[in-house]
Amino acid sequence: MSQPRAHSLLEQILSVGSGFVVSLIFWTYVVVPVWQLPVQTADNLQITAAFTALSITRGYLWRRIFNRLGSGRRARHA
């Protein structure tokens, strides 16, 4: 049974959304201080948001590809 597209997208948004918080904290309190990067808070949010959007898209596309491959395999074995 294939996962509906809306569920795939929601799963990716929730998964990556939680990753957004973790990566923003890591970027702000580890990366910037260790490498002494002169980055403003607004820049931190924009950078993290850009990578988050890419991650949602990547995860959604992979999920849809594997759902399609899985449903094709089940149809052949039925």
N, C-alpha and C. Protein backbone atom coordinates (compact mmCIF):
# COMPACT_ATOMS: atom_id res chain seq x y z
N MET A 1 0.85 -1.18 0.00
CA MET A 1 0.00 0.00 0.00
C MET A 1 0.89 1.24 0.00
N SER A 2 0.67 2.11 -0.95
CA SER A 2 1.50 3.30 -1.12
C SER A 2 1.05 4.41 -0.18
N GLN A 3 2.00 5.21 0.26
CA GLN A 3 1.70 6.35 1.12
C GLN A 3 1.19 7.49 0.25
N PRO A 4 0.06 8.12 0.63
CA PRO A 4 -0.44 9.26 -0.15
C PRO A 4 0.59 10.39 -0.20
N ARG A 5 0.56 11.15 -1.28
CA ARG A 5 1.52 12.24 -1.47
C ARG A 5 1.45 13.25 -0.34
N ALA A 6 0.25 13.58 0.10
CA ALA A 6 0.11 14.56 1.18
C ALA A 6 0.77 14.06 2.46
N HIS A 7 0.66 12.76 2.73
CA HIS A 7 1.30 12.19 3.92
C HIS A 7 2.82 12.20 3.78
N SER A 8 3.31 11.93 2.57
CA SER A 8 4.75 11.99 2.34
C SER A 8 5.28 13.39 2.61
N LEU A 9 4.56 14.38 2.11
CA LEU A 9 4.99 15.77 2.29
C LEU A 9 4.92 16.17 3.76
N LEU A 10 3.82 15.81 4.44
CA LEU A 10 3.68 16.14 5.86
C LEU A 10 4.77 15.48 6.69
N GLU A 11 5.07 14.23 6.40
CA GLU A 11 6.14 13.53 7.12
C GLU A 11 7.47 14.24 6.95
N GLN A 12 7.77 14.66 5.73
CA GLN A 12 9.02 15.35 5.47
C GLN A 12 9.07 16.71 6.15
N ILE A 13 7.97 17.43 6.14
CA ILE A 13 7.93 18.74 6.79
C ILE A 13 8.17 18.60 8.28
N LEU A 14 7.51 17.64 8.92
CA LEU A 14 7.70 17.43 10.36
C LEU A 14 9.11 16.94 10.68
N SER A 15 9.61 16.03 9.88
CA SER A 15 10.96 15.50 10.11
C SER A 15 12.01 16.59 9.94
N VAL A 16 11.93 17.30 8.85
CA VAL A 16 12.93 18.31 8.57
C VAL A 16 12.70 19.55 9.44
N GLY A 17 11.44 19.82 9.77
CA GLY A 17 11.16 20.96 10.65
C GLY A 17 11.84 20.81 12.00
N SER A 18 11.81 19.60 12.54
CA SER A 18 12.52 19.38 13.80
C SER A 18 14.02 19.49 13.59
N GLY A 19 14.49 19.06 12.42
CA GLY A 19 15.90 19.22 12.09
C GLY A 19 16.29 20.67 11.94
N PHE A 20 15.35 21.51 11.50
CA PHE A 20 15.59 22.95 11.37
C PHE A 20 16.00 23.54 12.72
N VAL A 21 15.25 23.19 13.75
CA VAL A 21 15.54 23.71 15.09
C VAL A 21 16.92 23.24 15.55
N VAL A 22 17.20 21.95 15.37
CA VAL A 22 18.50 21.40 15.79
C VAL A 22 19.64 22.07 15.02
N SER A 23 19.48 22.20 13.70
CA SER A 23 20.57 22.77 12.91
C SER A 23 20.75 24.26 13.19
N LEU A 24 19.67 24.97 13.46
CA LEU A 24 19.80 26.39 13.79
C LEU A 24 20.57 26.56 15.10
N ILE A 25 20.25 25.75 16.09
CA ILE A 25 20.97 25.80 17.36
C ILE A 25 22.44 25.42 17.16
N PHE A 26 22.69 24.36 16.40
CA PHE A 26 24.06 23.92 16.14
C PHE A 26 24.84 25.00 15.40
N TRP A 27 24.24 25.57 14.36
CA TRP A 27 24.89 26.62 13.57
C TRP A 27 25.23 27.83 14.45
N THR A 28 24.25 28.24 15.26
CA THR A 28 24.41 29.45 16.07
C THR A 28 25.42 29.28 17.20
N TYR A 29 25.39 28.13 17.87
CA TYR A 29 26.20 27.96 19.07
C TYR A 29 27.47 27.12 18.88
N VAL A 30 27.64 26.50 17.71
CA VAL A 30 28.84 25.70 17.47
C VAL A 30 29.60 26.22 16.25
N VAL A 31 28.98 26.19 15.09
CA VAL A 31 29.68 26.55 13.85
C VAL A 31 30.17 27.99 13.87
N VAL A 32 29.28 28.93 14.13
CA VAL A 32 29.66 30.35 14.09
C VAL A 32 30.78 30.66 15.10
N PRO A 33 30.67 30.24 16.36
CA PRO A 33 31.75 30.56 17.29
C PRO A 33 33.07 29.83 16.99
N VAL A 34 33.00 28.57 16.62
CA VAL A 34 34.23 27.81 16.39
C VAL A 34 35.00 28.37 15.19
N TRP A 35 34.30 28.69 14.13
CA TRP A 35 34.96 29.23 12.93
C TRP A 35 34.96 30.75 12.91
N GLN A 36 34.46 31.35 13.95
CA GLN A 36 34.43 32.81 14.11
C GLN A 36 33.87 33.50 12.86
N LEU A 37 32.70 33.04 12.46
CA LEU A 37 32.04 33.61 11.29
C LEU A 37 31.24 34.85 11.68
N PRO A 38 31.43 35.94 10.96
CA PRO A 38 30.68 37.16 11.27
C PRO A 38 29.29 37.12 10.61
N VAL A 39 28.36 36.39 11.23
CA VAL A 39 27.03 36.20 10.65
C VAL A 39 25.98 36.73 11.61
N GLN A 40 25.05 37.50 11.07
CA GLN A 40 23.95 38.05 11.87
C GLN A 40 22.87 36.98 12.07
N THR A 41 22.02 37.18 13.07
CA THR A 41 20.94 36.24 13.37
C THR A 41 20.02 36.07 12.17
N ALA A 42 19.68 37.15 11.49
CA ALA A 42 18.81 37.06 10.31
C ALA A 42 19.46 36.21 9.22
N ASP A 43 20.77 36.34 9.06
CA ASP A 43 21.49 35.51 8.09
C ASP A 43 21.45 34.05 8.50
N ASN A 44 21.61 33.78 9.79
CA ASN A 44 21.53 32.40 10.30
C ASN A 44 20.19 31.78 9.92
N LEU A 45 19.11 32.53 10.14
CA LEU A 45 17.77 32.01 9.83
C LEU A 45 17.61 31.77 8.33
N GLN A 46 18.09 32.66 7.51
CA GLN A 46 17.96 32.50 6.06
C GLN A 46 18.76 31.31 5.56
N ILE A 47 19.97 31.15 6.03
CA ILE A 47 20.80 30.02 5.62
C ILE A 47 20.15 28.71 6.05
N THR A 48 19.72 28.65 7.29
CA THR A 48 19.10 27.42 7.79
C THR A 48 17.80 27.13 7.06
N ALA A 49 17.01 28.16 6.79
CA ALA A 49 15.74 27.97 6.06
C ALA A 49 15.98 27.46 4.65
N ALA A 50 17.00 27.96 3.97
CA ALA A 50 17.31 27.51 2.62
C ALA A 50 17.67 26.02 2.61
N PHE A 51 18.52 25.61 3.54
CA PHE A 51 18.88 24.19 3.60
C PHE A 51 17.70 23.33 4.03
N THR A 52 16.83 23.87 4.87
CA THR A 52 15.64 23.14 5.29
C THR A 52 14.70 22.91 4.11
N ALA A 53 14.48 23.92 3.30
CA ALA A 53 13.62 23.78 2.11
C ALA A 53 14.19 22.73 1.16
N LEU A 54 15.50 22.77 0.96
CA LEU A 54 16.13 21.77 0.10
C LEU A 54 15.98 20.37 0.69
N SER A 55 16.09 20.25 1.98
CA SER A 55 15.98 18.95 2.63
C SER A 55 14.56 18.39 2.53
N ILE A 56 13.56 19.24 2.69
CA ILE A 56 12.17 18.79 2.54
C ILE A 56 11.94 18.28 1.12
N THR A 57 12.39 19.04 0.14
CA THR A 57 12.23 18.65 -1.25
C THR A 57 12.93 17.33 -1.55
N ARG A 58 14.17 17.23 -1.10
CA ARG A 58 14.95 16.00 -1.32
C ARG A 58 14.26 14.80 -0.68
N GLY A 59 13.86 14.93 0.57
CA GLY A 59 13.22 13.81 1.27
C GLY A 59 11.90 13.40 0.64
N TYR A 60 11.11 14.39 0.22
CA TYR A 60 9.83 14.12 -0.42
C TYR A 60 10.04 13.36 -1.74
N LEU A 61 10.98 13.83 -2.55
CA LEU A 61 11.22 13.18 -3.84
C LEU A 61 11.71 11.74 -3.66
N TRP A 62 12.63 11.53 -2.74
CA TRP A 62 13.10 10.16 -2.49
C TRP A 62 11.96 9.28 -2.00
N ARG A 63 11.12 9.79 -1.11
CA ARG A 63 9.99 9.01 -0.60
C ARG A 63 9.06 8.61 -1.73
N ARG A 64 8.75 9.56 -2.64
CA ARG A 64 7.86 9.27 -3.76
C ARG A 64 8.50 8.25 -4.71
N ILE A 65 9.79 8.36 -4.97
CA ILE A 65 10.49 7.41 -5.84
C ILE A 65 10.41 6.01 -5.25
N PHE A 66 10.70 5.87 -3.96
CA PHE A 66 10.68 4.55 -3.35
C PHE A 66 9.26 4.01 -3.22
N ASN A 67 8.26 4.88 -3.01
CA ASN A 67 6.88 4.41 -3.00
C ASN A 67 6.49 3.89 -4.38
N ARG A 68 6.91 4.60 -5.42
CA ARG A 68 6.60 4.16 -6.78
C ARG A 68 7.29 2.84 -7.09
N LEU A 69 8.56 2.71 -6.73
CA LEU A 69 9.28 1.46 -6.95
C LEU A 69 8.64 0.31 -6.18
N GLY A 70 8.24 0.58 -4.95
CA GLY A 70 7.63 -0.46 -4.13
C GLY A 70 6.27 -0.89 -4.66
N SER A 71 5.46 0.05 -5.14
CA SER A 71 4.14 -0.32 -5.65
C SER A 71 4.26 -1.08 -6.96
N GLY A 72 5.27 -0.76 -7.77
CA GLY A 72 5.50 -1.51 -9.00
C GLY A 72 5.93 -2.93 -8.72
N ARG A 73 6.75 -3.12 -7.71
CA ARG A 73 7.21 -4.45 -7.33
C ARG A 73 6.05 -5.28 -6.79
N ARG A 74 5.18 -4.67 -5.99
CA ARG A 74 4.02 -5.40 -5.44
C ARG A 74 3.07 -5.81 -6.55
N ALA A 75 2.89 -4.95 -7.55
CA ALA A 75 1.96 -5.25 -8.65
C ALA A 75 2.47 -6.44 -9.45
N ARG A 76 3.78 -6.57 -9.64
CA ARG A 76 4.33 -7.70 -10.40
C ARG A 76 4.19 -9.00 -9.64
N HIS A 77 4.24 -8.95 -8.31
CA HIS A 77 4.18 -10.18 -7.51
C HIS A 77 2.75 -10.59 -7.19
N ALA A 78 1.79 -9.75 -7.50
CA ALA A 78 0.38 -10.05 -7.17
C ALA A 78 -0.23 -11.02 -8.15
